[in-house]
Amino acid sequence: MDDTGLFVVTVASEKGGVGKTTIATNLAVYLKALCEDLPVTVISFDNHFSVDNMFAIGEHRGYSVAGIFSGKPLDEMVQLGEYGVQFMVSERQLNPPDDDISHLSKVLARGDLSGILVIDTRPILDYFTHSALLAADLVLVPVKDRPSLVNASALRQAMLDAGSDPESLWLVPSLIDGRTRLKERTVGMRDFLVYSAEERDFQVVDTYMSKSPKVESLTTSFSSRIYPVLTHARGTSVHKQFKDLAAFVGKQYNVENRLSGKPPARVLAAVDEMPPGRASHLTGECPNCGRRVTGQDGYFFQDLRHHQTGFFHSSCVDLLLANSELQALFPERGGLLFHLPDTGLTGEGGDVTLALYDEDGEEVVTELVPQAAAEKIIKMMNAATDRDDSEMFREMILVAIDPDPPIHFLEDEGAGRFAQLRRHVMTDLRAKDQF
């Protein structure tokens, strides 16, 4: 499977009693129901054990969320629960493992979980909530009244302070009583919240969660078991509202995987010893297919003329080299150069050359790509350089061949090795008057 990364949805609120945990747990169930093949995982940093009581099968409890920070592989600690949703059990006394709020981001960026992860947070801005906000691709903030709307500003500021994108934060009107009216009984609570949120430049999802005695009863019974709306409250308006919310999250997931632009903040947080500016030209999209890539698998590349950097999916490199024998000659470490020599597309034919280099930058073999096969490579180079055909001139894409994850080339040691390889390749090209 290609490395398209994990999509993290954090459900957060500084105010209790807004339906935060109900949204997190039921959202996971509805996401799985909407797409059975999509891996969905849910965890909670709160200590109320609602996740356990909804998803645990029998008495088996497994690893708790404290294990996330233990160094164990994350995909080995989650367990399959009810409704096909993966989960980790909650922890009554969860203590911060350190003072590094990027710790969670590093674990998720380097882990093997895929699909969607839903994180339920505590109703306070503590270490774990800060960590979950930094790790998130999408933040859902339930609001039911003016105080919870005011508290949403603190979450947005926390994201800004940590370097997260505040545009990923969306408000969800929650526990809305349709009978409540404001301003001489002419304005409903949902309309009031939407209007007030937009005044404060918040984005609001185009649905809401109604207050429902039936839904509330699913968490209050003689047993500890909690049931989802999908199976026990399908006759309520909340059922359709959760379908709409899950569809919204699914759309955000699909958009993120296809038009990611920059990589998620947690991917960059997972890089050790990266000075400011090294990722300034880094794209979050594979230049061959345009889908999201996080650098945990595949190949690192750099556009030698314009300094754009990014990652390829392994399967995309396979497709680009489908008519070549170079891949069979790949060294353990080295480089692959996609080269549009001479005047590029303004000259005759727009020929593409492939060149393979060993770890020391010595050329191993070159190959002229036939015109028919060159078209897909030129299309890839358009995306990698962010230039159309008329602007292409002596373009060069250098791909690192290495057993380490490609994100390693953003760290000091990997960046140093790539810089050395690049110098050797450019010296070779200058000697041939091809730079």
Foldseek 3Di string as FASTA:
>chain_A
DWFLAEAEEEEAFLDPPLCRVLLLQQLQLLLCVVPVVFAEEEAEAAQPFQNCQAWPDPPDQFAAPLCLLVPPAPVVGWDQTPSRHTYHTYDNDRDDPDQDLLSNLLSRLQHDDHGYYYYYYDSNPDSPVLSSLQNHQAYEYEDAADVRLVRVVVSLVSCVVVVADSLRYEYAHEQFEQCDAPDVRPHGRVRVSVVVCVVVVHHYQPAHYHNDPQQVVQCDDPDNHHYHCCVRPCVDPRVVRSNSVSVVVVVSVVCCFQAVFAARSSLVSSAPAFDPPLCPQEGQAALQRRTGHRQNDAWWKAWVPQGRIYGHTNVSVCLLCVVDPVVVVADQKWKKKWWQFDFALVDPLRKIKIWTAHLQLHTDDMDIDDSVSCPSVVSSQCSRNVHDRVPDGGIMMMIIRHPGRNSNCSHDVNVVSVVSNVVSNVVVCVVVVGD
